[in-house]
């Protein structure tokens, strides 16, 4: 449950920050993907459990979907991109899901290390 909430917090922060660019460099997107990746790796590494990282991914994805739509007052957090430009919101959503999938699916190598030590 805590992982779900932490994932939602990171997902919200990434959804808000991903659109920041410095010239043509999408600094917000790069930092958001690094931050969410570090969170997934930390969840998996500290708990040794795939389900914790998966819960964080579900929370982050839920927050991203929730804040990507039009709000009740008509406000939009993830604006549509002009024609011919890369849609950073789409890259953020797919990138976050891809990183979560890789971290959750990564094999558990702790057993291999224990056998190597013996």
PDB file of N, CA and C in Angstrom:
ATOM      1  N   UNK A   1       0.826  -1.194   0.000  1.00  0.00           N
ATOM      2  CA  UNK A   1       0.000   0.000   0.000  1.00  0.00           C
ATOM      3  C   UNK A   1       0.869   1.256   0.000  1.00  0.00           C
ATOM      4  N   UNK A   2       1.935   1.234   0.788  1.00  0.00           N
ATOM      5  CA  UNK A   2       2.834   2.386   0.843  1.00  0.00           C
ATOM      6  C   UNK A   2       3.519   2.568  -0.501  1.00  0.00           C
ATOM      7  N   UNK A   3       3.910   1.471  -1.156  1.00  0.00           N
ATOM      8  CA  UNK A   3       4.557   1.549  -2.464  1.00  0.00           C
ATOM      9  C   UNK A   3       3.622   2.168  -3.491  1.00  0.00           C
ATOM     10  N   UNK A   4       2.346   1.862  -3.405  1.00  0.00           N
ATOM     11  CA  UNK A   4       1.356   2.426  -4.318  1.00  0.00           C
ATOM     12  C   UNK A   4       1.284   3.944  -4.161  1.00  0.00           C
ATOM     13  N   UNK A   5       1.277   4.410  -2.923  1.00  0.00           N
ATOM     14  CA  UNK A   5       1.214   5.850  -2.639  1.00  0.00           C
ATOM     15  C   UNK A   5       2.502   6.542  -3.090  1.00  0.00           C
ATOM     16  N   UNK A   6       3.655   5.926  -2.803  1.00  0.00           N
ATOM     17  CA  UNK A   6       4.931   6.516  -3.216  1.00  0.00           C
ATOM     18  C   UNK A   6       4.998   6.574  -4.744  1.00  0.00           C
ATOM     19  N   UNK A   7       4.556   5.527  -5.408  1.00  0.00           N
ATOM     20  CA  UNK A   7       4.512   5.532  -6.862  1.00  0.00           C
ATOM     21  C   UNK A   7       3.609   6.635  -7.395  1.00  0.00           C
ATOM     22  N   UNK A   8       2.480   6.846  -6.743  1.00  0.00           N
ATOM     23  CA  UNK A   8       1.565   7.906  -7.161  1.00  0.00           C
ATOM     24  C   UNK A   8       2.202   9.280  -6.997  1.00  0.00           C
ATOM     25  N   UNK A   9       2.948   9.477  -5.923  1.00  0.00           N
ATOM     26  CA  UNK A   9       3.632  10.756  -5.704  1.00  0.00           C
ATOM     27  C   UNK A   9       4.679  10.990  -6.798  1.00  0.00           C
ATOM     28  N   UNK A  10       5.491   9.979  -7.075  1.00  0.00           N
ATOM     29  CA  UNK A  10       6.512  10.104  -8.129  1.00  0.00           C
ATOM     30  C   UNK A  10       5.858  10.272  -9.498  1.00  0.00           C
ATOM     31  N   UNK A  11       4.787   9.553  -9.749  1.00  0.00           N
ATOM     32  CA  UNK A  11       4.081   9.681 -11.015  1.00  0.00           C
ATOM     33  C   UNK A  11       3.496  11.071 -11.204  1.00  0.00           C
ATOM     34  N   UNK A  12       2.951  11.646 -10.135  1.00  0.00           N
ATOM     35  CA  UNK A  12       2.416  13.002 -10.194  1.00  0.00           C
ATOM     36  C   UNK A  12       3.524  14.006 -10.472  1.00  0.00           C
ATOM     37  N   UNK A  13       4.641  13.871  -9.755  1.00  0.00           N
ATOM     38  CA  UNK A  13       5.766  14.791  -9.954  1.00  0.00           C
ATOM     39  C   UNK A  13       6.310  14.684 -11.376  1.00  0.00           C
ATOM     40  N   UNK A  14       6.453  13.470 -11.873  1.00  0.00           N
ATOM     41  CA  UNK A  14       6.946  13.288 -13.233  1.00  0.00           C
ATOM     42  C   UNK A  14       5.986  13.807 -14.280  1.00  0.00           C
ATOM     43  N   UNK A  15       4.696  13.622 -14.046  1.00  0.00           N
ATOM     44  CA  UNK A  15       3.682  14.095 -14.993  1.00  0.00           C
ATOM     45  C   UNK A  15       3.691  15.614 -15.077  1.00  0.00           C
ATOM     46  N   UNK A  16       3.907  16.273 -13.970  1.00  0.00           N
ATOM     47  CA  UNK A  16       3.945  17.733 -13.964  1.00  0.00           C
ATOM     48  C   UNK A  16       5.263  18.243 -14.541  1.00  0.00           C
ATOM     49  N   UNK A  17       6.381  17.584 -14.223  1.00  0.00           N
ATOM     50  CA  UNK A  17       7.702  18.095 -14.594  1.00  0.00           C
ATOM     51  C   UNK A  17       8.185  17.655 -15.972  1.00  0.00           C
ATOM     52  N   UNK A  18       7.601  16.642 -16.569  1.00  0.00           N
ATOM     53  CA  UNK A  18       8.156  16.081 -17.808  1.00  0.00           C
ATOM     54  C   UNK A  18       8.152  17.065 -18.978  1.00  0.00           C
ATOM     55  N   UNK A  19       7.306  18.055 -18.963  1.00  0.00           N
ATOM     56  CA  UNK A  19       7.179  18.975 -20.093  1.00  0.00           C
ATOM     57  C   UNK A  19       8.233  20.080 -20.087  1.00  0.00           C
ATOM     58  N   UNK A  20       9.039  20.196 -19.026  1.00  0.00           N
ATOM     59  CA  UNK A  20      10.045  21.266 -18.954  1.00  0.00           C
ATOM     60  C   UNK A  20      11.181  20.995 -19.928  1.00  0.00           C
ATOM     61  N   UNK A  21      11.469  21.979 -20.754  1.00  0.00           N
ATOM     62  CA  UNK A  21      12.575  21.854 -21.701  1.00  0.00           C
ATOM     63  C   UNK A  21      13.513  23.045 -21.530  1.00  0.00           C
ATOM     64  N   UNK A  22      14.762  22.807 -21.799  1.00  0.00           N
ATOM     65  CA  UNK A  22      15.773  23.855 -21.782  1.00  0.00           C
ATOM     66  C   UNK A  22      16.299  23.943 -23.206  1.00  0.00           C
ATOM     67  N   UNK A  23      15.758  24.872 -23.979  1.00  0.00           N
ATOM     68  CA  UNK A  23      16.041  24.910 -25.414  1.00  0.00           C
ATOM     69  C   UNK A  23      15.309  23.759 -26.077  1.00  0.00           C
ATOM     70  N   UNK A  24      16.067  22.845 -26.670  1.00  0.00           N
ATOM     71  CA  UNK A  24      15.454  21.675 -27.292  1.00  0.00           C
ATOM     72  C   UNK A  24      15.639  20.409 -26.458  1.00  0.00           C
ATOM     73  N   UNK A  25      16.333  20.538 -25.331  1.00  0.00           N
ATOM     74  CA  UNK A  25      16.615  19.374 -24.476  1.00  0.00           C
ATOM     75  C   UNK A  25      15.455  19.181 -23.490  1.00  0.00           C
ATOM     76  N   UNK A  26      14.805  18.022 -23.503  1.00  0.00           N
ATOM     77  CA  UNK A  26      13.694  17.774 -22.572  1.00  0.00           C
ATOM     78  C   UNK A  26      14.210  17.404 -21.173  1.00  0.00           C
ATOM     79  N   UNK A  27      14.695  18.390 -20.454  1.00  0.00           N
ATOM     80  CA  UNK A  27      15.310  18.173 -19.148  1.00  0.00           C
ATOM     81  C   UNK A  27      14.323  17.546 -18.170  1.00  0.00           C
ATOM     82  N   UNK A  28      13.094  18.035 -18.168  1.00  0.00           N
ATOM     83  CA  UNK A  28      12.085  17.492 -17.260  1.00  0.00           C
ATOM     84  C   UNK A  28      11.817  16.018 -17.510  1.00  0.00           C
ATOM     85  N   UNK A  29      11.722  15.627 -18.772  1.00  0.00           N
ATOM     86  CA  UNK A  29      11.479  14.229 -19.121  1.00  0.00           C
ATOM     87  C   UNK A  29      12.651  13.355 -18.694  1.00  0.00           C
ATOM     88  N   UNK A  30      13.866  13.802 -18.965  1.00  0.00           N
ATOM     89  CA  UNK A  30      15.057  13.026 -18.595  1.00  0.00           C
ATOM     90  C   UNK A  30      15.125  12.835 -17.084  1.00  0.00           C
ATOM     91  N   UNK A  31      14.937  13.917 -16.335  1.00  0.00           N
ATOM     92  CA  UNK A  31      14.993  13.816 -14.869  1.00  0.00           C
ATOM     93  C   UNK A  31      13.841  12.986 -14.313  1.00  0.00           C
ATOM     94  N   UNK A  32      12.658  13.104 -14.912  1.00  0.00           N
ATOM     95  CA  UNK A  32      11.505  12.326 -14.448  1.00  0.00           C
ATOM     96  C   UNK A  32      11.736  10.835 -14.662  1.00  0.00           C
ATOM     97  N   UNK A  33      12.274  10.464 -15.823  1.00  0.00           N
ATOM     98  CA  UNK A  33      12.537   9.042 -16.090  1.00  0.00           C
ATOM     99  C   UNK A  33      13.651   8.502 -15.199  1.00  0.00           C
ATOM    100  N   UNK A  34      14.686   9.295 -14.961  1.00  0.00           N
ATOM    101  CA  UNK A  34      15.754   8.862 -14.041  1.00  0.00           C
ATOM    102  C   UNK A  34      15.201   8.700 -12.626  1.00  0.00           C
ATOM    103  N   UNK A  35      14.397   9.664 -12.191  1.00  0.00           N
ATOM    104  CA  UNK A  35      13.827   9.600 -10.840  1.00  0.00           C
ATOM    105  C   UNK A  35      12.892   8.418 -10.649  1.00  0.00           C
ATOM    106  N   UNK A  36      12.012   8.175 -11.616  1.00  0.00           N
ATOM    107  CA  UNK A  36      11.068   7.062 -11.468  1.00  0.00           C
ATOM    108  C   UNK A  36      11.798   5.736 -11.571  1.00  0.00           C
ATOM    109  N   UNK A  37      12.821   5.670 -12.423  1.00  0.00           N
ATOM    110  CA  UNK A  37      13.626   4.447 -12.517  1.00  0.00           C
ATOM    111  C   UNK A  37      14.358   4.158 -11.222  1.00  0.00           C
ATOM    112  N   UNK A  38      14.924   5.193 -10.617  1.00  0.00           N
ATOM    113  CA  UNK A  38      15.610   5.023  -9.338  1.00  0.00           C
ATOM    114  C   UNK A  38      14.644   4.571  -8.246  1.00  0.00           C
ATOM    115  N   UNK A  39      13.421   5.109  -8.284  1.00  0.00           N
ATOM    116  CA  UNK A  39      12.428   4.693  -7.294  1.00  0.00           C
ATOM    117  C   UNK A  39      12.072   3.224  -7.455  1.00  0.00           C
ATOM    118  N   UNK A  40      11.861   2.772  -8.702  1.00  0.00           N
ATOM    119  CA  UNK A  40      11.530   1.363  -8.932  1.00  0.00           C
ATOM    120  C   UNK A  40      12.676   0.453  -8.498  1.00  0.00           C
ATOM    121  N   UNK A  41      13.894   0.814  -8.853  1.00  0.00           N
ATOM    122  CA  UNK A  41      15.060  -0.001  -8.478  1.00  0.00           C
ATOM    123  C   UNK A  41      15.211  -0.039  -6.962  1.00  0.00           C
ATOM    124  N   UNK A  42      15.007   1.104  -6.302  1.00  0.00           N
ATOM    125  CA  UNK A  42      15.110   1.142  -4.839  1.00  0.00           C
ATOM    126  C   UNK A  42      14.037   0.281  -4.184  1.00  0.00           C
ATOM    127  N   UNK A  43      12.816   0.341  -4.700  1.00  0.00           N
ATOM    128  CA  UNK A  43      11.741  -0.491  -4.144  1.00  0.00           C
ATOM    129  C   UNK A  43      12.072  -1.973  -4.291  1.00  0.00           C
ATOM    130  N   UNK A  44      12.541  -2.350  -5.448  1.00  0.00           N
ATOM    131  CA  UNK A  44      12.867  -3.761  -5.695  1.00  0.00           C
ATOM    132  C   UNK A  44      14.091  -4.185  -4.884  1.00  0.00           C
ATOM    133  N   UNK A  45      15.101  -3.326  -4.824  1.00  0.00           N
ATOM    134  CA  UNK A  45      16.328  -3.672  -4.124  1.00  0.00           C
ATOM    135  C   UNK A  45      16.181  -3.715  -2.613  1.00  0.00           C
ATOM    136  N   UNK A  46      15.438  -2.769  -2.064  1.00  0.00           N
ATOM    137  CA  UNK A  46      15.308  -2.703  -0.608  1.00  0.00           C
ATOM    138  C   UNK A  46      14.373  -3.762  -0.047  1.00  0.00           C
ATOM    139  N   UNK A  47      13.351  -4.113  -0.811  1.00  0.00           N
ATOM    140  CA  UNK A  47      12.409  -5.108  -0.303  1.00  0.00           C
ATOM    141  C   UNK A  47      12.709  -6.502  -0.839  1.00  0.00           C
ATOM    142  N   UNK A  48      13.417  -6.587  -1.980  1.00  0.00           N
ATOM    143  CA  UNK A  48      13.677  -7.882  -2.593  1.00  0.00           C
ATOM    144  C   UNK A  48      12.412  -8.526  -3.142  1.00  0.00           C
ATOM    145  N   UNK A  49      11.401  -7.716  -3.404  1.00  0.00           N
ATOM    146  CA  UNK A  49      10.095  -8.228  -3.801  1.00  0.00           C
ATOM    147  C   UNK A  49       9.632  -7.556  -5.087  1.00  0.00           C
ATOM    148  N   UNK A  50       9.217  -8.344  -6.052  1.00  0.00           N
ATOM    149  CA  UNK A  50       8.706  -7.799  -7.307  1.00  0.00           C
ATOM    150  C   UNK A  50       7.383  -7.061  -7.107  1.00  0.00           C
ATOM    151  N   UNK A  51       6.572  -7.536  -6.186  1.00  0.00           N
ATOM    152  CA  UNK A  51       5.242  -6.968  -5.989  1.00  0.00           C
ATOM    153  C   UNK A  51       5.298  -5.533  -5.503  1.00  0.00           C
ATOM    154  N   UNK A  52       6.321  -5.196  -4.741  1.00  0.00           N
ATOM    155  CA  UNK A  52       6.464  -3.820  -4.267  1.00  0.00           C
ATOM    156  C   UNK A  52       6.740  -2.890  -5.441  1.00  0.00           C
ATOM    157  N   UNK A  53       7.667  -3.285  -6.311  1.00  0.00           N
ATOM    158  CA  UNK A  53       7.966  -2.472  -7.487  1.00  0.00           C
ATOM    159  C   UNK A  53       6.753  -2.389  -8.410  1.00  0.00           C
ATOM    160  N   UNK A  54       6.021  -3.477  -8.527  1.00  0.00           N
ATOM    161  CA  UNK A  54       4.816  -3.475  -9.355  1.00  0.00           C
ATOM    162  C   UNK A  54       3.761  -2.526  -8.782  1.00  0.00           C
ATOM    163  N   UNK A  55       3.596  -2.528  -7.468  1.00  0.00           N
ATOM    164  CA  UNK A  55       2.640  -1.611  -6.835  1.00  0.00           C
ATOM    165  C   UNK A  55       3.055  -0.158  -7.067  1.00  0.00           C
ATOM    166  N   UNK A  56       4.349   0.119  -6.991  1.00  0.00           N
ATOM    167  CA  UNK A  56       4.832   1.467  -7.289  1.00  0.00           C
ATOM    168  C   UNK A  56       4.549   1.856  -8.727  1.00  0.00           C
ATOM    169  N   UNK A  57       4.717   0.913  -9.642  1.00  0.00           N
ATOM    170  CA  UNK A  57       4.426   1.170 -11.047  1.00  0.00           C
ATOM    171  C   UNK A  57       2.951   1.429 -11.292  1.00  0.00           C
ATOM    172  N   UNK A  58       2.100   0.667 -10.627  1.00  0.00           N
ATOM    173  CA  UNK A  58       0.650   0.870 -10.770  1.00  0.00           C
ATOM    174  C   UNK A  58       0.253   2.241 -10.222  1.00  0.00           C
ATOM    175  N   UNK A  59       0.827   2.618  -9.088  1.00  0.00           N
ATOM    176  CA  UNK A  59       0.534   3.940  -8.518  1.00  0.00           C
ATOM    177  C   UNK A  59       0.991   5.070  -9.425  1.00  0.00           C
ATOM    178  N   UNK A  60       2.189   4.936  -9.987  1.00  0.00           N
ATOM    179  CA  UNK A  60       2.716   5.967 -10.884  1.00  0.00           C
ATOM    180  C   UNK A  60       1.886   6.060 -12.152  1.00  0.00           C
ATOM    181  N   UNK A  61       1.519   4.917 -12.701  1.00  0.00           N
ATOM    182  CA  UNK A  61       0.717   4.909 -13.919  1.00  0.00           C
ATOM    183  C   UNK A  61      -0.684   5.477 -13.661  1.00  0.00           C
ATOM    184  N   UNK A  62      -1.268   5.136 -12.525  1.00  0.00           N
ATOM    185  CA  UNK A  62      -2.599   5.663 -12.188  1.00  0.00           C
ATOM    186  C   UNK A  62      -2.568   7.182 -12.035  1.00  0.00           C
ATOM    187  N   UNK A  63      -1.539   7.697 -11.388  1.00  0.00           N
ATOM    188  CA  UNK A  63      -1.425   9.148 -11.219  1.00  0.00           C
ATOM    189  C   UNK A  63      -1.225   9.828 -12.567  1.00  0.00           C
ATOM    190  N   UNK A  64      -0.422   9.221 -13.432  1.00  0.00           N
ATOM    191  CA  UNK A  64      -0.182   9.801 -14.752  1.00  0.00           C
ATOM    192  C   UNK A  64      -1.467   9.837 -15.570  1.00  0.00           C
ATOM    193  N   UNK A  65      -2.216   8.755 -15.549  1.00  0.00           N
ATOM    194  CA  UNK A  65      -3.483   8.714 -16.297  1.00  0.00           C
ATOM    195  C   UNK A  65      -4.469   9.726 -15.731  1.00  0.00           C
ATOM    196  N   UNK A  66      -4.522   9.827 -14.409  1.00  0.00           N
ATOM    197  CA  UNK A  66      -5.463  10.735 -13.773  1.00  0.00           C
ATOM    198  C   UNK A  66      -5.159  12.195 -14.118  1.00  0.00           C
ATOM    199  N   UNK A  67      -3.884  12.564 -14.107  1.00  0.00           N
ATOM    200  CA  UNK A  67      -3.526  13.957 -14.357  1.00  0.00           C
ATOM    201  C   UNK A  67      -3.345  14.274 -15.838  1.00  0.00           C
ATOM    202  N   UNK A  68      -3.421  13.281 -16.706  1.00  0.00           N
ATOM    203  CA  UNK A  68      -3.261  13.529 -18.139  1.00  0.00           C
ATOM    204  C   UNK A  68      -4.553  13.986 -18.806  1.00  0.00           C
ATOM    205  N   UNK A  69      -5.647  13.806 -18.158  1.00  0.00           N
ATOM    206  CA  UNK A  69      -6.924  14.212 -18.745  1.00  0.00           C
ATOM    207  C   UNK A  69      -7.245  15.669 -18.452  1.00  0.00           C
ATOM    208  N   UNK A  70      -8.363  16.101 -18.965  1.00  0.00           N
ATOM    209  CA  UNK A  70      -8.834  17.456 -18.714  1.00  0.00           C
ATOM    210  C   UNK A  70      -9.511  17.509 -17.355  1.00  0.00           C
ATOM    211  N   UNK A  71      -9.146  18.510 -16.561  1.00  0.00           N
ATOM    212  CA  UNK A  71      -9.713  18.668 -15.227  1.00  0.00           C
ATOM    213  C   UNK A  71     -11.139  19.185 -15.278  1.00  0.00           C
ATOM    214  N   UNK A  72     -11.815  19.215 -14.119  1.00  0.00           N
ATOM    215  CA  UNK A  72     -13.212  19.654 -14.091  1.00  0.00           C
ATOM    216  C   UNK A  72     -13.386  21.113 -14.509  1.00  0.00           C
ATOM    217  N   UNK A  73     -12.380  21.920 -14.310  1.00  0.00           N
ATOM    218  CA  UNK A  73     -12.466  23.326 -14.716  1.00  0.00           C
ATOM    219  C   UNK A  73     -11.941  23.568 -16.116  1.00  0.00           C
ATOM    220  N   UNK A  74     -11.552  22.489 -16.805  1.00  0.00           N
ATOM    221  CA  UNK A  74     -11.036  22.623 -18.161  1.00  0.00           C
ATOM    222  C   UNK A  74      -9.525  22.747 -18.225  1.00  0.00           C
ATOM    223  N   UNK A  75      -8.852  22.678 -17.068  1.00  0.00           N
ATOM    224  CA  UNK A  75      -7.394  22.803 -17.063  1.00  0.00           C
ATOM    225  C   UNK A  75      -6.753  21.495 -17.529  1.00  0.00           C
ATOM    226  N   UNK A  76      -5.581  21.625 -18.158  1.00  0.00           N
ATOM    227  CA  UNK A  76      -4.868  20.475 -18.695  1.00  0.00           C
ATOM    228  C   UNK A  76      -3.435  20.517 -18.177  1.00  0.00           C
ATOM    229  N   UNK A  77      -2.987  19.434 -17.513  1.00  0.00           N
ATOM    230  CA  UNK A  77      -1.625  19.357 -17.001  1.00  0.00           C
ATOM    231  C   UNK A  77      -0.672  18.911 -18.099  1.00  0.00           C
ATOM    232  N   UNK A  78      -1.101  17.979 -18.944  1.00  0.00           N
ATOM    233  CA  UNK A  78      -0.284  17.483 -20.053  1.00  0.00           C
ATOM    234  C   UNK A  78      -0.900  18.011 -21.340  1.00  0.00           C
ATOM    235  N   UNK A  79      -0.366  19.142 -21.845  1.00  0.00           N
ATOM    236  CA  UNK A  79      -0.966  19.730 -23.043  1.00  0.00           C
ATOM    237  C   UNK A  79      -0.617  18.941 -24.304  1.00  0.00           C
ATOM    238  N   UNK A  80      -1.451  19.091 -25.313  1.00  0.00           N
ATOM    239  CA  UNK A  80      -1.169  18.475 -26.609  1.00  0.00           C
ATOM    240  C   UNK A  80      -0.002  19.205 -27.255  1.00  0.00           C
ATOM    241  N   UNK A  81       0.845  18.463 -27.951  1.00  0.00           N
ATOM    242  CA  UNK A  81       2.005  19.074 -28.592  1.00  0.00           C
ATOM    243  C   UNK A  81       1.640  19.574 -29.987  1.00  0.00           C
ATOM    244  N   UNK A  82       2.330  20.618 -30.433  1.00  0.00           N
ATOM    245  CA  UNK A  82       2.069  21.106 -31.800  1.00  0.00           C
ATOM    246  C   UNK A  82       2.453  20.057 -32.840  1.00  0.00           C
ATOM    247  N   UNK A  83       1.869  20.163 -33.993  1.00  0.00           N
ATOM    248  CA  UNK A  83       2.132  19.232 -35.096  1.00  0.00           C
ATOM    249  C   UNK A  83       3.619  19.225 -35.441  1.00  0.00           C
ATOM    250  N   UNK A  84       4.171  18.029 -35.592  1.00  0.00           N
ATOM    251  CA  UNK A  84       5.568  17.892 -35.989  1.00  0.00           C
ATOM    252  C   UNK A  84       6.545  17.794 -34.830  1.00  0.00           C
ATOM    253  N   UNK A  85       6.083  17.944 -33.604  1.00  0.00           N
ATOM    254  CA  UNK A  85       6.970  17.832 -32.442  1.00  0.00           C
ATOM    255  C   UNK A  85       6.733  16.504 -31.740  1.00  0.00           C
ATOM    256  N   UNK A  86       7.743  16.089 -30.989  1.00  0.00           N
ATOM    257  CA  UNK A  86       7.640  14.838 -30.239  1.00  0.00           C
ATOM    258  C   UNK A  86       6.704  15.055 -29.055  1.00  0.00           C
ATOM    259  N   UNK A  87       5.784  14.138 -28.863  1.00  0.00           N
ATOM    260  CA  UNK A  87       4.842  14.217 -27.756  1.00  0.00           C
ATOM    261  C   UNK A  87       5.530  13.712 -26.491  1.00  0.00           C
ATOM    262  N   UNK A  88       6.001  14.635 -25.647  1.00  0.00           N
ATOM    263  CA  UNK A  88       6.731  14.261 -24.432  1.00  0.00           C
ATOM    264  C   UNK A  88       5.845  13.516 -23.445  1.00  0.00           C
ATOM    265  N   UNK A  89       4.543  13.829 -23.433  1.00  0.00           N
ATOM    266  CA  UNK A  89       3.627  13.109 -22.552  1.00  0.00           C
ATOM    267  C   UNK A  89       3.535  11.634 -22.912  1.00  0.00           C
ATOM    268  N   UNK A  90       3.531  11.344 -24.197  1.00  0.00           N
ATOM    269  CA  UNK A  90       3.496   9.960 -24.654  1.00  0.00           C
ATOM    270  C   UNK A  90       4.801   9.245 -24.324  1.00  0.00           C
ATOM    271  N   UNK A  91       5.917   9.939 -24.521  1.00  0.00           N
ATOM    272  CA  UNK A  91       7.222   9.361 -24.179  1.00  0.00           C
ATOM    273  C   UNK A  91       7.302   9.101 -22.672  1.00  0.00           C
ATOM    274  N   UNK A  92       6.768  10.017 -21.868  1.00  0.00           N
ATOM    275  CA  UNK A  92       6.770   9.848 -20.413  1.00  0.00           C
ATOM    276  C   UNK A  92       5.952   8.621 -20.005  1.00  0.00           C
ATOM    277  N   UNK A  93       4.756   8.498 -20.532  1.00  0.00           N
ATOM    278  CA  UNK A  93       3.896   7.366 -20.160  1.00  0.00           C
ATOM    279  C   UNK A  93       4.470   6.025 -20.589  1.00  0.00           C
ATOM    280  N   UNK A  94       4.937   5.930 -21.826  1.00  0.00           N
ATOM    281  CA  UNK A  94       5.505   4.672 -22.311  1.00  0.00           C
ATOM    282  C   UNK A  94       6.832   4.376 -21.630  1.00  0.00           C
ATOM    283  N   UNK A  95       7.659   5.409 -21.452  1.00  0.00           N
ATOM    284  CA  UNK A  95       8.957   5.216 -20.796  1.00  0.00           C
ATOM    285  C   UNK A  95       8.816   4.736 -19.365  1.00  0.00           C
ATOM    286  N   UNK A  96       7.877   5.327 -18.635  1.00  0.00           N
ATOM    287  CA  UNK A  96       7.652   4.922 -17.251  1.00  0.00           C
ATOM    288  C   UNK A  96       7.167   3.476 -17.179  1.00  0.00           C
ATOM    289  N   UNK A  97       6.238   3.111 -18.039  1.00  0.00           N
ATOM    290  CA  UNK A  97       5.731   1.735 -18.047  1.00  0.00           C
ATOM    291  C   UNK A  97       6.828   0.749 -18.442  1.00  0.00           C
ATOM    292  N   UNK A  98       7.676   1.131 -19.407  1.00  0.00           N
ATOM    293  CA  UNK A  98       8.775   0.263 -19.838  1.00  0.00           C
ATOM    294  C   UNK A  98       9.781   0.052 -18.705  1.00  0.00           C
ATOM    295  N   UNK A  99      10.152   1.118 -18.012  1.00  0.00           N
ATOM    296  CA  UNK A  99      11.112   0.998 -16.910  1.00  0.00           C
ATOM    297  C   UNK A  99      10.530   0.131 -15.799  1.00  0.00           C
ATOM    298  N   UNK A 100       9.259   0.330 -15.471  1.00  0.00           N
ATOM    299  CA  UNK A 100       8.627  -0.495 -14.436  1.00  0.00           C
ATOM    300  C   UNK A 100       8.616  -1.963 -14.846  1.00  0.00           C
ATOM    301  N   UNK A 101       8.322  -2.232 -16.108  1.00  0.00           N
ATOM    302  CA  UNK A 101       8.297  -3.613 -16.594  1.00  0.00           C
ATOM    303  C   UNK A 101       9.673  -4.262 -16.500  1.00  0.00           C
ATOM    304  N   UNK A 102      10.705  -3.539 -16.888  1.00  0.00           N
ATOM    305  CA  UNK A 102      12.069  -4.077 -16.826  1.00  0.00           C
ATOM    306  C   UNK A 102      12.474  -4.360 -15.382  1.00  0.00           C
ATOM    307  N   UNK A 103      12.184  -3.440 -14.480  1.00  0.00           N
ATOM    308  CA  UNK A 103      12.573  -3.631 -13.074  1.00  0.00           C
ATOM    309  C   UNK A 103      11.816  -4.796 -12.455  1.00  0.00           C
ATOM    310  N   UNK A 104      10.528  -4.919 -12.745  1.00  0.00           N
ATOM    311  CA  UNK A 104       9.737  -6.012 -12.176  1.00  0.00           C
ATOM    312  C   UNK A 104      10.154  -7.357 -12.776  1.00  0.00           C
ATOM    313  N   UNK A 105      10.456  -7.382 -14.074  1.00  0.00           N
ATOM    314  CA  UNK A 105      10.787  -8.638 -14.747  1.00  0.00           C
ATOM    315  C   UNK A 105      12.249  -9.053 -14.593  1.00  0.00           C
ATOM    316  N   UNK A 106      13.104  -8.148 -14.092  1.00  0.00           N
ATOM    317  CA  UNK A 106      14.528  -8.475 -13.950  1.00  0.00           C
ATOM    318  C   UNK A 106      14.686  -9.701 -13.054  1.00  0.00           C
ATOM    319  N   UNK A 107      15.525 -10.655 -13.452  1.00  0.00           N
ATOM    320  CA  UNK A 107      15.656 -11.875 -12.654  1.00  0.00           C
ATOM    321  C   UNK A 107      16.285 -11.607 -11.284  1.00  0.00           C
ATOM    322  N   UNK A 108      15.895 -12.417 -10.322  1.00  0.00           N
ATOM    323  CA  UNK A 108      16.447 -12.322  -8.972  1.00  0.00           C
ATOM    324  C   UNK A 108      17.805 -13.028  -8.961  1.00  0.00           C
ATOM    325  N   UNK A 109      18.870 -12.274  -8.784  1.00  0.00           N
ATOM    326  CA  UNK A 109      20.224 -12.832  -8.848  1.00  0.00           C
ATOM    327  C   UNK A 109      20.807 -13.114  -7.468  1.00  0.00           C
ATOM    328  N   UNK A 110      20.022 -12.942  -6.419  1.00  0.00           N
ATOM    329  CA  UNK A 110      20.549 -13.178  -5.063  1.00  0.00           C
ATOM    330  C   UNK A 110      20.891 -14.638  -4.843  1.00  0.00           C
ATOM    331  N   UNK A 111      20.127 -15.553  -5.417  1.00  0.00           N
ATOM    332  CA  UNK A 111      20.423 -16.981  -5.279  1.00  0.00           C
ATOM    333  C   UNK A 111      21.714 -17.350  -5.995  1.00  0.00           C
ATOM    334  N   UNK A 112      21.974 -16.737  -7.126  1.00  0.00           N
ATOM    335  CA  UNK A 112      23.212 -17.006  -7.864  1.00  0.00           C
ATOM    336  C   UNK A 112      24.422 -16.503  -7.100  1.00  0.00           C
ATOM    337  N   UNK A 113      24.298 -15.362  -6.435  1.00  0.00           N
ATOM    338  CA  UNK A 113      25.391 -14.837  -5.622  1.00  0.00           C
ATOM    339  C   UNK A 113      25.668 -15.731  -4.424  1.00  0.00           C
ATOM    340  N   UNK A 114      24.615 -16.246  -3.808  1.00  0.00           N
ATOM    341  CA  UNK A 114      24.783 -17.109  -2.632  1.00  0.00           C
ATOM    342  C   UNK A 114      25.475 -18.408  -3.021  1.00  0.00           C
ATOM    343  N   UNK A 115      25.136 -18.966  -4.180  1.00  0.00           N
ATOM    344  CA  UNK A 115      25.783 -20.188  -4.637  1.00  0.00           C
ATOM    345  C   UNK A 115      27.243 -19.947  -5.002  1.00  0.00           C
ATOM    346  N   UNK A 116      27.543 -18.779  -5.532  1.00  0.00           N
ATOM    347  CA  UNK A 116      28.923 -18.447  -5.907  1.00  0.00           C
ATOM    348  C   UNK A 116      29.799 -18.279  -4.679  1.00  0.00           C
ATOM    349  N   UNK A 117      29.228 -17.824  -3.577  1.00  0.00           N
ATOM    350  CA  UNK A 117      29.993 -17.630  -2.334  1.00  0.00           C
ATOM    351  C   UNK A 117      30.341 -18.945  -1.670  1.00  0.00           C
ATOM    352  N   UNK A 118      29.593 -20.006  -1.923  1.00  0.00           N
ATOM    353  CA  UNK A 118      29.840 -21.292  -1.274  1.00  0.00           C
ATOM    354  C   UNK A 118      30.902 -22.040  -1.945  1.00  0.00           C
TER     355      UNK A 118
END
